[in-house]
Amino acid sequence: MKRYGFKIYLINPQHQGEEILGEAVLGSIKDVPEKIDILDVFRRPEAVYDLAEEAREVGFETFWLQPGTENQEVISALHREGRSVVAGICIKTCCQLLL
């Protein structure tokens, strides 16, 4: 994603403070210092509910669930709230097709 010009923030409480791809790993969505355009989710489906709750608190434009991370209950709830959700499609694949 960095190659396509996106600013990324890596979030993983278990790896907070480490560096991956030249980026410091944050412990929480709440640690992101700017507006979140796309929250790209790489978590087990059962962990997505809590992640969505935290995302609602800070705000986001699009909640993107990578293949295998889909939680239909969360997807339905976010749609009912009028939020943008993409599920089951790899964001990298989409970027490659569009750019």
PDB file of N, CA and C in Angstrom:
ATOM      1  N   MET A   1       0.824  -1.185   0.000  1.00  0.00           N
ATOM      2  CA  MET A   1       0.000   0.000   0.000  1.00  0.00           C
ATOM      3  C   MET A   1       0.875   1.258   0.000  1.00  0.00           C
ATOM      4  N   LYS A   2       1.992   1.175   0.708  1.00  0.00           N
ATOM      5  CA  LYS A   2       2.903   2.323   0.717  1.00  0.00           C
ATOM      6  C   LYS A   2       3.382   2.640  -0.693  1.00  0.00           C
ATOM      7  N   ARG A   3       3.615   1.607  -1.472  1.00  0.00           N
ATOM      8  CA  ARG A   3       4.084   1.777  -2.842  1.00  0.00           C
ATOM      9  C   ARG A   3       3.077   2.561  -3.688  1.00  0.00           C
ATOM     10  N   TYR A   4       1.809   2.482  -3.333  1.00  0.00           N
ATOM     11  CA  TYR A   4       0.766   3.181  -4.072  1.00  0.00           C
ATOM     12  C   TYR A   4       0.475   4.562  -3.500  1.00  0.00           C
ATOM     13  N   GLY A   5       1.301   4.987  -2.538  1.00  0.00           N
ATOM     14  CA  GLY A   5       1.169   6.344  -2.017  1.00  0.00           C
ATOM     15  C   GLY A   5       0.304   6.496  -0.785  1.00  0.00           C
ATOM     16  N   PHE A   6      -0.156   5.399  -0.221  1.00  0.00           N
ATOM     17  CA  PHE A   6      -0.979   5.476   0.979  1.00  0.00           C
ATOM     18  C   PHE A   6      -0.106   5.640   2.218  1.00  0.00           C
ATOM     19  N   LYS A   7      -0.521   6.469   3.145  1.00  0.00           N
ATOM     20  CA  LYS A   7       0.114   6.549   4.461  1.00  0.00           C
ATOM     21  C   LYS A   7      -0.529   5.459   5.298  1.00  0.00           C
ATOM     22  N   ILE A   8       0.291   4.602   5.874  1.00  0.00           N
ATOM     23  CA  ILE A   8      -0.271   3.504   6.653  1.00  0.00           C
ATOM     24  C   ILE A   8       0.153   3.612   8.109  1.00  0.00           C
ATOM     25  N   TYR A   9      -0.714   3.137   8.972  1.00  0.00           N
ATOM     26  CA  TYR A   9      -0.429   2.985  10.390  1.00  0.00           C
ATOM     27  C   TYR A   9      -0.707   1.531  10.723  1.00  0.00           C
ATOM     28  N   LEU A  10       0.279   0.862  11.262  1.00  0.00           N
ATOM     29  CA  LEU A  10       0.126  -0.541  11.643  1.00  0.00           C
ATOM     30  C   LEU A  10      -0.312  -0.580  13.102  1.00  0.00           C
ATOM     31  N   ILE A  11      -1.334  -1.359  13.388  1.00  0.00           N
ATOM     32  CA  ILE A  11      -1.878  -1.427  14.744  1.00  0.00           C
ATOM     33  C   ILE A  11      -1.930  -2.877  15.192  1.00  0.00           C
ATOM     34  N   ASN A  12      -1.220  -3.154  16.275  1.00  0.00           N
ATOM     35  CA  ASN A  12      -1.240  -4.487  16.871  1.00  0.00           C
ATOM     36  C   ASN A  12      -0.747  -4.353  18.305  1.00  0.00           C
ATOM     37  N   PRO A  13      -1.663  -4.471  19.269  1.00  0.00           N
ATOM     38  CA  PRO A  13      -1.273  -4.289  20.673  1.00  0.00           C
ATOM     39  C   PRO A  13      -0.148  -5.220  21.122  1.00  0.00           C
ATOM     40  N   GLN A  14      -0.048  -6.385  20.520  1.00  0.00           N
ATOM     41  CA  GLN A  14       0.988  -7.346  20.912  1.00  0.00           C
ATOM     42  C   GLN A  14       2.366  -6.968  20.370  1.00  0.00           C
ATOM     43  N   HIS A  15       2.417  -6.068  19.410  1.00  0.00           N
ATOM     44  CA  HIS A  15       3.695  -5.675  18.802  1.00  0.00           C
ATOM     45  C   HIS A  15       3.933  -4.171  18.882  1.00  0.00           C
ATOM     46  N   GLN A  16       3.199  -3.509  19.749  1.00  0.00           N
ATOM     47  CA  GLN A  16       3.324  -2.062  19.910  1.00  0.00           C
ATOM     48  C   GLN A  16       4.786  -1.673  20.146  1.00  0.00           C
ATOM     49  N   GLY A  17       5.226  -0.645  19.421  1.00  0.00           N
ATOM     50  CA  GLY A  17       6.589  -0.157  19.573  1.00  0.00           C
ATOM     51  C   GLY A  17       7.585  -0.795  18.623  1.00  0.00           C
ATOM     52  N   GLU A  18       7.235  -1.926  18.049  1.00  0.00           N
ATOM     53  CA  GLU A  18       8.113  -2.557  17.065  1.00  0.00           C
ATOM     54  C   GLU A  18       8.039  -1.769  15.763  1.00  0.00           C
ATOM     55  N   GLU A  19       8.913  -2.093  14.845  1.00  0.00           N
ATOM     56  CA  GLU A  19       8.897  -1.445  13.545  1.00  0.00           C
ATOM     57  C   GLU A  19       8.712  -2.486  12.453  1.00  0.00           C
ATOM     58  N   ILE A  20       7.774  -2.223  11.549  1.00  0.00           N
ATOM     59  CA  ILE A  20       7.513  -3.097  10.409  1.00  0.00           C
ATOM     60  C   ILE A  20       7.422  -2.210   9.176  1.00  0.00           C
ATOM     61  N   LEU A  21       8.139  -2.583   8.125  1.00  0.00           N
ATOM     62  CA  LEU A  21       8.161  -1.812   6.874  1.00  0.00           C
ATOM     63  C   LEU A  21       8.508  -0.346   7.106  1.00  0.00           C
ATOM     64  N   GLY A  22       9.347  -0.098   8.108  1.00  0.00           N
ATOM     65  CA  GLY A  22       9.753   1.266   8.412  1.00  0.00           C
ATOM     66  C   GLY A  22       8.724   2.080   9.172  1.00  0.00           C
ATOM     67  N   GLU A  23       7.665   1.425   9.635  1.00  0.00           N
ATOM     68  CA  GLU A  23       6.597   2.113  10.369  1.00  0.00           C
ATOM     69  C   GLU A  23       6.531   1.573  11.791  1.00  0.00           C
ATOM     70  N   ALA A  24       6.365   2.459  12.754  1.00  0.00           N
ATOM     71  CA  ALA A  24       6.190   2.040  14.145  1.00  0.00           C
ATOM     72  C   ALA A  24       4.813   1.410  14.312  1.00  0.00           C
ATOM     73  N   VAL A  25       4.749   0.322  15.023  1.00  0.00           N
ATOM     74  CA  VAL A  25       3.477  -0.361  15.278  1.00  0.00           C
ATOM     75  C   VAL A  25       2.800   0.313  16.470  1.00  0.00           C
ATOM     76  N   LEU A  26       1.556   0.708  16.273  1.00  0.00           N
ATOM     77  CA  LEU A  26       0.759   1.350  17.319  1.00  0.00           C
ATOM     78  C   LEU A  26      -0.009   0.296  18.094  1.00  0.00           C
ATOM     79  N   GLY A  27      -0.418   0.639  19.307  1.00  0.00           N
ATOM     80  CA  GLY A  27      -1.136  -0.307  20.144  1.00  0.00           C
ATOM     81  C   GLY A  27      -2.639  -0.271  19.994  1.00  0.00           C
ATOM     82  N   SER A  28      -3.176   0.793  19.401  1.00  0.00           N
ATOM     83  CA  SER A  28      -4.625   0.959  19.337  1.00  0.00           C
ATOM     84  C   SER A  28      -4.991   1.898  18.189  1.00  0.00           C
ATOM     85  N   ILE A  29      -6.205   1.753  17.705  1.00  0.00           N
ATOM     86  CA  ILE A  29      -6.725   2.689  16.703  1.00  0.00           C
ATOM     87  C   ILE A  29      -6.695   4.101  17.277  1.00  0.00           C
ATOM     88  N   LYS A  30      -6.902   4.211  18.564  1.00  0.00           N
ATOM     89  CA  LYS A  30      -6.919   5.525  19.218  1.00  0.00           C
ATOM     90  C   LYS A  30      -5.566   6.230  19.146  1.00  0.00           C
ATOM     91  N   ASP A  31      -4.505   5.510  18.822  1.00  0.00           N
ATOM     92  CA  ASP A  31      -3.167   6.092  18.715  1.00  0.00           C
ATOM     93  C   ASP A  31      -2.877   6.693  17.341  1.00  0.00           C
ATOM     94  N   VAL A  32      -3.760   6.482  16.374  1.00  0.00           N
ATOM     95  CA  VAL A  32      -3.554   7.030  15.032  1.00  0.00           C
ATOM     96  C   VAL A  32      -3.706   8.550  15.130  1.00  0.00           C
ATOM     97  N   PRO A  33      -2.680   9.312  14.704  1.00  0.00           N
ATOM     98  CA  PRO A  33      -2.683  10.752  14.926  1.00  0.00           C
ATOM     99  C   PRO A  33      -3.496  11.587  13.944  1.00  0.00           C
ATOM    100  N   GLU A  34      -4.151  10.951  13.002  1.00  0.00           N
ATOM    101  CA  GLU A  34      -4.934  11.715  12.038  1.00  0.00           C
ATOM    102  C   GLU A  34      -6.205  10.954  11.656  1.00  0.00           C
ATOM    103  N   LYS A  35      -7.017  11.601  10.843  1.00  0.00           N
ATOM    104  CA  LYS A  35      -8.274  11.016  10.383  1.00  0.00           C
ATOM    105  C   LYS A  35      -8.004   9.691   9.657  1.00  0.00           C
ATOM    106  N   ILE A  36      -8.851   8.706   9.907  1.00  0.00           N
ATOM    107  CA  ILE A  36      -8.697   7.392   9.268  1.00  0.00           C
ATOM    108  C   ILE A  36      -9.618   7.326   8.047  1.00  0.00           C
ATOM    109  N   ASP A  37      -9.011   7.203   6.887  1.00  0.00           N
ATOM    110  CA  ASP A  37      -9.799   7.062   5.663  1.00  0.00           C
ATOM    111  C   ASP A  37     -10.265   5.618   5.502  1.00  0.00           C
ATOM    112  N   ILE A  38      -9.319   4.687   5.572  1.00  0.00           N
ATOM    113  CA  ILE A  38      -9.642   3.266   5.415  1.00  0.00           C
ATOM    114  C   ILE A  38      -9.052   2.506   6.591  1.00  0.00           C
ATOM    115  N   LEU A  39      -9.898   1.792   7.272  1.00  0.00           N
ATOM    116  CA  LEU A  39      -9.444   0.901   8.334  1.00  0.00           C
ATOM    117  C   LEU A  39      -9.423  -0.495   7.724  1.00  0.00           C
ATOM    118  N   ASP A  40      -8.238  -0.968   7.404  1.00  0.00           N
ATOM    119  CA  ASP A  40      -8.054  -2.235   6.703  1.00  0.00           C
ATOM    120  C   ASP A  40      -7.825  -3.332   7.740  1.00  0.00           C
ATOM    121  N   VAL A  41      -8.771  -4.242   7.863  1.00  0.00           N
ATOM    122  CA  VAL A  41      -8.801  -5.205   8.963  1.00  0.00           C
ATOM    123  C   VAL A  41      -8.188  -6.547   8.577  1.00  0.00           C
ATOM    124  N   PHE A  42      -7.237  -6.981   9.394  1.00  0.00           N
ATOM    125  CA  PHE A  42      -6.611  -8.297   9.289  1.00  0.00           C
ATOM    126  C   PHE A  42      -6.754  -8.975  10.648  1.00  0.00           C
ATOM    127  N   ARG A  43      -7.956  -9.308  11.031  1.00  0.00           N
ATOM    128  CA  ARG A  43      -8.222  -9.948  12.328  1.00  0.00           C
ATOM    129  C   ARG A  43      -9.191 -11.095  12.122  1.00  0.00           C
ATOM    130  N   ARG A  44      -9.217 -12.000  13.105  1.00  0.00           N
ATOM    131  CA  ARG A  44     -10.196 -13.093  13.055  1.00  0.00           C
ATOM    132  C   ARG A  44     -11.606 -12.491  13.116  1.00  0.00           C
ATOM    133  N   PRO A  45     -12.569 -13.124  12.451  1.00  0.00           N
ATOM    134  CA  PRO A  45     -13.933 -12.586  12.451  1.00  0.00           C
ATOM    135  C   PRO A  45     -14.488 -12.319  13.847  1.00  0.00           C
ATOM    136  N   GLU A  46     -14.139 -13.158  14.815  1.00  0.00           N
ATOM    137  CA  GLU A  46     -14.672 -12.958  16.163  1.00  0.00           C
ATOM    138  C   GLU A  46     -14.054 -11.746  16.860  1.00  0.00           C
ATOM    139  N   ALA A  47     -12.942 -11.229  16.370  1.00  0.00           N
ATOM    140  CA  ALA A  47     -12.311 -10.047  16.961  1.00  0.00           C
ATOM    141  C   ALA A  47     -12.789  -8.748  16.309  1.00  0.00           C
ATOM    142  N   VAL A  48     -13.532  -8.861  15.224  1.00  0.00           N
ATOM    143  CA  VAL A  48     -13.927  -7.686  14.452  1.00  0.00           C
ATOM    144  C   VAL A  48     -14.948  -6.825  15.198  1.00  0.00           C
ATOM    145  N   TYR A  49     -15.800  -7.427  16.008  1.00  0.00           N
ATOM    146  CA  TYR A  49     -16.806  -6.646  16.739  1.00  0.00           C
ATOM    147  C   TYR A  49     -16.140  -5.592  17.620  1.00  0.00           C
ATOM    148  N   ASP A  50     -15.171  -6.005  18.436  1.00  0.00           N
ATOM    149  CA  ASP A  50     -14.485  -5.061  19.324  1.00  0.00           C
ATOM    150  C   ASP A  50     -13.721  -4.008  18.528  1.00  0.00           C
ATOM    151  N   LEU A  51     -13.132  -4.413  17.432  1.00  0.00           N
ATOM    152  CA  LEU A  51     -12.416  -3.476  16.584  1.00  0.00           C
ATOM    153  C   LEU A  51     -13.371  -2.426  16.005  1.00  0.00           C
ATOM    154  N   ALA A  52     -14.541  -2.859  15.576  1.00  0.00           N
ATOM    155  CA  ALA A  52     -15.527  -1.925  15.035  1.00  0.00           C
ATOM    156  C   ALA A  52     -15.986  -0.940  16.104  1.00  0.00           C
ATOM    157  N   GLU A  53     -16.153  -1.407  17.330  1.00  0.00           N
ATOM    158  CA  GLU A  53     -16.545  -0.511  18.425  1.00  0.00           C
ATOM    159  C   GLU A  53     -15.495   0.575  18.634  1.00  0.00           C
ATOM    160  N   GLU A  54     -14.244   0.182  18.650  1.00  0.00           N
ATOM    161  CA  GLU A  54     -13.156   1.147  18.825  1.00  0.00           C
ATOM    162  C   GLU A  54     -13.102   2.114  17.639  1.00  0.00           C
ATOM    163  N   ALA A  55     -13.313   1.602  16.438  1.00  0.00           N
ATOM    164  CA  ALA A  55     -13.297   2.441  15.237  1.00  0.00           C
ATOM    165  C   ALA A  55     -14.413   3.476  15.275  1.00  0.00           C
ATOM    166  N   ARG A  56     -15.576   3.094  15.768  1.00  0.00           N
ATOM    167  CA  ARG A  56     -16.684   4.040  15.880  1.00  0.00           C
ATOM    168  C   ARG A  56     -16.310   5.213  16.796  1.00  0.00           C
ATOM    169  N   GLU A  57     -15.564   4.913  17.835  1.00  0.00           N
ATOM    170  CA  GLU A  57     -15.174   5.954  18.791  1.00  0.00           C
ATOM    171  C   GLU A  57     -14.283   7.019  18.153  1.00  0.00           C
ATOM    172  N   VAL A  58     -13.365   6.606  17.295  1.00  0.00           N
ATOM    173  CA  VAL A  58     -12.425   7.565  16.695  1.00  0.00           C
ATOM    174  C   VAL A  58     -12.888   8.077  15.338  1.00  0.00           C
ATOM    175  N   GLY A  59     -13.750   7.325  14.680  1.00  0.00           N
ATOM    176  CA  GLY A  59     -14.248   7.708  13.363  1.00  0.00           C
ATOM    177  C   GLY A  59     -13.395   7.124  12.243  1.00  0.00           C
ATOM    178  N   PHE A  60     -14.020   6.916  11.112  1.00  0.00           N
ATOM    179  CA  PHE A  60     -13.355   6.357   9.931  1.00  0.00           C
ATOM    180  C   PHE A  60     -14.259   6.565   8.735  1.00  0.00           C
ATOM    181  N   GLU A  61     -13.683   6.490   7.548  1.00  0.00           N
ATOM    182  CA  GLU A  61     -14.468   6.615   6.320  1.00  0.00           C
ATOM    183  C   GLU A  61     -14.946   5.254   5.824  1.00  0.00           C
ATOM    184  N   THR A  62     -14.031   4.282   5.742  1.00  0.00           N
ATOM    185  CA  THR A  62     -14.369   2.960   5.213  1.00  0.00           C
ATOM    186  C   THR A  62     -13.783   1.875   6.101  1.00  0.00           C
ATOM    187  N   PHE A  63     -14.597   0.887   6.415  1.00  0.00           N
ATOM    188  CA  PHE A  63     -14.189  -0.278   7.200  1.00  0.00           C
ATOM    189  C   PHE A  63     -13.990  -1.404   6.205  1.00  0.00           C
ATOM    190  N   TRP A  64     -12.741  -1.813   5.984  1.00  0.00           N
ATOM    191  CA  TRP A  64     -12.399  -2.779   4.933  1.00  0.00           C
ATOM    192  C   TRP A  64     -11.990  -4.090   5.584  1.00  0.00           C
ATOM    193  N   LEU A  65     -12.738  -5.148   5.309  1.00  0.00           N
ATOM    194  CA  LEU A  65     -12.473  -6.468   5.868  1.00  0.00           C
ATOM    195  C   LEU A  65     -11.833  -7.355   4.806  1.00  0.00           C
ATOM    196  N   GLN A  66     -10.591  -7.728   5.045  1.00  0.00           N
ATOM    197  CA  GLN A  66      -9.866  -8.580   4.118  1.00  0.00           C
ATOM    198  C   GLN A  66     -10.536  -9.967   4.036  1.00  0.00           C
ATOM    199  N   PRO A  67     -10.290 -10.710   2.966  1.00  0.00           N
ATOM    200  CA  PRO A  67     -10.856 -12.054   2.864  1.00  0.00           C
ATOM    201  C   PRO A  67     -10.517 -12.888   4.103  1.00  0.00           C
ATOM    202  N   GLY A  68     -11.533 -13.542   4.644  1.00  0.00           N
ATOM    203  CA  GLY A  68     -11.353 -14.376   5.823  1.00  0.00           C
ATOM    204  C   GLY A  68     -11.585 -13.655   7.140  1.00  0.00           C
ATOM    205  N   THR A  69     -11.770 -12.339   7.082  1.00  0.00           N
ATOM    206  CA  THR A  69     -11.993 -11.565   8.308  1.00  0.00           C
ATOM    207  C   THR A  69     -13.450 -11.152   8.481  1.00  0.00           C
ATOM    208  N   GLU A  70     -14.271 -11.479   7.522  1.00  0.00           N
ATOM    209  CA  GLU A  70     -15.655 -11.005   7.493  1.00  0.00           C
ATOM    210  C   GLU A  70     -16.451 -11.466   8.718  1.00  0.00           C
ATOM    211  N   ASN A  71     -17.195 -10.534   9.285  1.00  0.00           N
ATOM    212  CA  ASN A  71     -18.120 -10.808  10.384  1.00  0.00           C
ATOM    213  C   ASN A  71     -19.448 -10.200   9.948  1.00  0.00           C
ATOM    214  N   GLN A  72     -20.374 -11.039   9.525  1.00  0.00           N
ATOM    215  CA  GLN A  72     -21.617 -10.552   8.926  1.00  0.00           C
ATOM    216  C   GLN A  72     -22.418  -9.684   9.883  1.00  0.00           C
ATOM    217  N   GLU A  73     -22.388  -9.989  11.153  1.00  0.00           N
ATOM    218  CA  GLU A  73     -23.104  -9.181  12.147  1.00  0.00           C
ATOM    219  C   GLU A  73     -22.567  -7.744  12.168  1.00  0.00           C
ATOM    220  N   VAL A  74     -21.257  -7.600  12.152  1.00  0.00           N
ATOM    221  CA  VAL A  74     -20.632  -6.276  12.145  1.00  0.00           C
ATOM    222  C   VAL A  74     -20.910  -5.564  10.819  1.00  0.00           C
ATOM    223  N   ILE A  75     -20.777  -6.287   9.724  1.00  0.00           N
ATOM    224  CA  ILE A  75     -21.042  -5.693   8.413  1.00  0.00           C
ATOM    225  C   ILE A  75     -22.467  -5.144   8.363  1.00  0.00           C
ATOM    226  N   SER A  76     -23.428  -5.936   8.792  1.00  0.00           N
ATOM    227  CA  SER A  76     -24.828  -5.504   8.780  1.00  0.00           C
ATOM    228  C   SER A  76     -25.047  -4.283   9.668  1.00  0.00           C
ATOM    229  N   ALA A  77     -24.450  -4.291  10.863  1.00  0.00           N
ATOM    230  CA  ALA A  77     -24.602  -3.163  11.788  1.00  0.00           C
ATOM    231  C   ALA A  77     -24.011  -1.887  11.196  1.00  0.00           C
ATOM    232  N   LEU A  78     -22.834  -1.991  10.605  1.00  0.00           N
ATOM    233  CA  LEU A  78     -22.208  -0.809  10.018  1.00  0.00           C
ATOM    234  C   LEU A  78     -23.021  -0.284   8.837  1.00  0.00           C
ATOM    235  N   HIS A  79     -23.564  -1.184   8.020  1.00  0.00           N
ATOM    236  CA  HIS A  79     -24.420  -0.764   6.911  1.00  0.00           C
ATOM    237  C   HIS A  79     -25.672  -0.047   7.431  1.00  0.00           C
ATOM    238  N   ARG A  80     -26.273  -0.582   8.484  1.00  0.00           N
ATOM    239  CA  ARG A  80     -27.465   0.062   9.058  1.00  0.00           C
ATOM    240  C   ARG A  80     -27.153   1.471   9.554  1.00  0.00           C
ATOM    241  N   GLU A  81     -25.929   1.680   9.992  1.00  0.00           N
ATOM    242  CA  GLU A  81     -25.496   3.000  10.474  1.00  0.00           C
ATOM    243  C   GLU A  81     -25.125   3.932   9.320  1.00  0.00           C
ATOM    244  N   GLY A  82     -25.186   3.421   8.089  1.00  0.00           N
ATOM    245  CA  GLY A  82     -24.855   4.230   6.927  1.00  0.00           C
ATOM    246  C   GLY A  82     -23.361   4.342   6.664  1.00  0.00           C
ATOM    247  N   ARG A  83     -22.595   3.428   7.217  1.00  0.00           N
ATOM    248  CA  ARG A  83     -21.141   3.467   7.059  1.00  0.00           C
ATOM    249  C   ARG A  83     -20.705   2.678   5.823  1.00  0.00           C
ATOM    250  N   SER A  84     -19.581   3.075   5.279  1.00  0.00           N
ATOM    251  CA  SER A  84     -19.013   2.399   4.118  1.00  0.00           C
ATOM    252  C   SER A  84     -18.247   1.156   4.581  1.00  0.00           C
ATOM    253  N   VAL A  85     -18.583   0.011   3.982  1.00  0.00           N
ATOM    254  CA  VAL A  85     -17.940  -1.253   4.333  1.00  0.00           C
ATOM    255  C   VAL A  85     -17.577  -1.985   3.044  1.00  0.00           C
ATOM    256  N   VAL A  86     -16.363  -2.513   3.010  1.00  0.00           N
ATOM    257  CA  VAL A  86     -15.936  -3.390   1.917  1.00  0.00           C
ATOM    258  C   VAL A  86     -15.523  -4.693   2.580  1.00  0.00           C
ATOM    259  N   ALA A  87     -15.999  -5.815   2.059  1.00  0.00           N
ATOM    260  CA  ALA A  87     -15.711  -7.098   2.706  1.00  0.00           C
ATOM    261  C   ALA A  87     -15.337  -8.158   1.679  1.00  0.00           C
ATOM    262  N   GLY A  88     -14.322  -8.960   2.058  1.00  0.00           N
ATOM    263  CA  GLY A  88     -13.964 -10.123   1.261  1.00  0.00           C
ATOM    264  C   GLY A  88     -13.169  -9.839   0.004  1.00  0.00           C
ATOM    265  N   ILE A  89     -12.621  -8.639  -0.101  1.00  0.00           N
ATOM    266  CA  ILE A  89     -11.831  -8.264  -1.267  1.00  0.00           C
ATOM    267  C   ILE A  89     -10.492  -7.725  -0.768  1.00  0.00           C
ATOM    268  N   CYS A  90      -9.418  -8.160  -1.352  1.00  0.00           N
ATOM    269  CA  CYS A  90      -8.090  -7.699  -0.949  1.00  0.00           C
ATOM    270  C   CYS A  90      -7.856  -6.270  -1.441  1.00  0.00           C
ATOM    271  N   ILE A  91      -7.490  -5.401  -0.532  1.00  0.00           N
ATOM    272  CA  ILE A  91      -7.277  -3.996  -0.891  1.00  0.00           C
ATOM    273  C   ILE A  91      -6.116  -3.835  -1.879  1.00  0.00           C
ATOM    274  N   LYS A  92      -5.098  -4.650  -1.734  1.00  0.00           N
ATOM    275  CA  LYS A  92      -3.958  -4.568  -2.658  1.00  0.00           C
ATOM    276  C   LYS A  92      -4.398  -4.919  -4.077  1.00  0.00           C
ATOM    277  N   THR A  93      -5.217  -5.948  -4.201  1.00  0.00           N
ATOM    278  CA  THR A  93      -5.722  -6.343  -5.520  1.00  0.00           C
ATOM    279  C   THR A  93      -6.526  -5.206  -6.139  1.00  0.00           C
ATOM    280  N   CYS A  94      -7.356  -4.569  -5.344  1.00  0.00           N
ATOM    281  CA  CYS A  94      -8.153  -3.448  -5.857  1.00  0.00           C
ATOM    282  C   CYS A  94      -7.269  -2.308  -6.330  1.00  0.00           C
ATOM    283  N   CYS A  95      -6.243  -1.993  -5.543  1.00  0.00           N
ATOM    284  CA  CYS A  95      -5.317  -0.907  -5.934  1.00  0.00           C
ATOM    285  C   CYS A  95      -4.612  -1.235  -7.236  1.00  0.00           C
ATOM    286  N   GLN A  96      -4.187  -2.471  -7.390  1.00  0.00           N
ATOM    287  CA  GLN A  96      -3.492  -2.872  -8.600  1.00  0.00           C
ATOM    288  C   GLN A  96      -4.409  -2.737  -9.818  1.00  0.00           C
ATOM    289  N   LEU A  97      -5.682  -3.023  -9.639  1.00  0.00           N
ATOM    290  CA  LEU A  97      -6.632  -2.918 -10.735  1.00  0.00           C
ATOM    291  C   LEU A  97      -6.939  -1.472 -11.087  1.00  0.00           C
ATOM    292  N   LEU A  98      -6.955  -0.604 -10.074  1.00  0.00           N
ATOM    293  CA  LEU A  98      -7.328   0.785 -10.292  1.00  0.00           C
ATOM    294  C   LEU A  98      -6.162   1.670 -10.724  1.00  0.00           C
ATOM    295  N   LEU A  99      -4.970   1.317 -10.307  1.00  0.00           N
ATOM    296  CA  LEU A  99      -3.828   2.209 -10.584  1.00  0.00           C
ATOM    297  C   LEU A  99      -2.968   1.728 -11.717  1.00  0.00           C
TER     298      LEU A  99
END
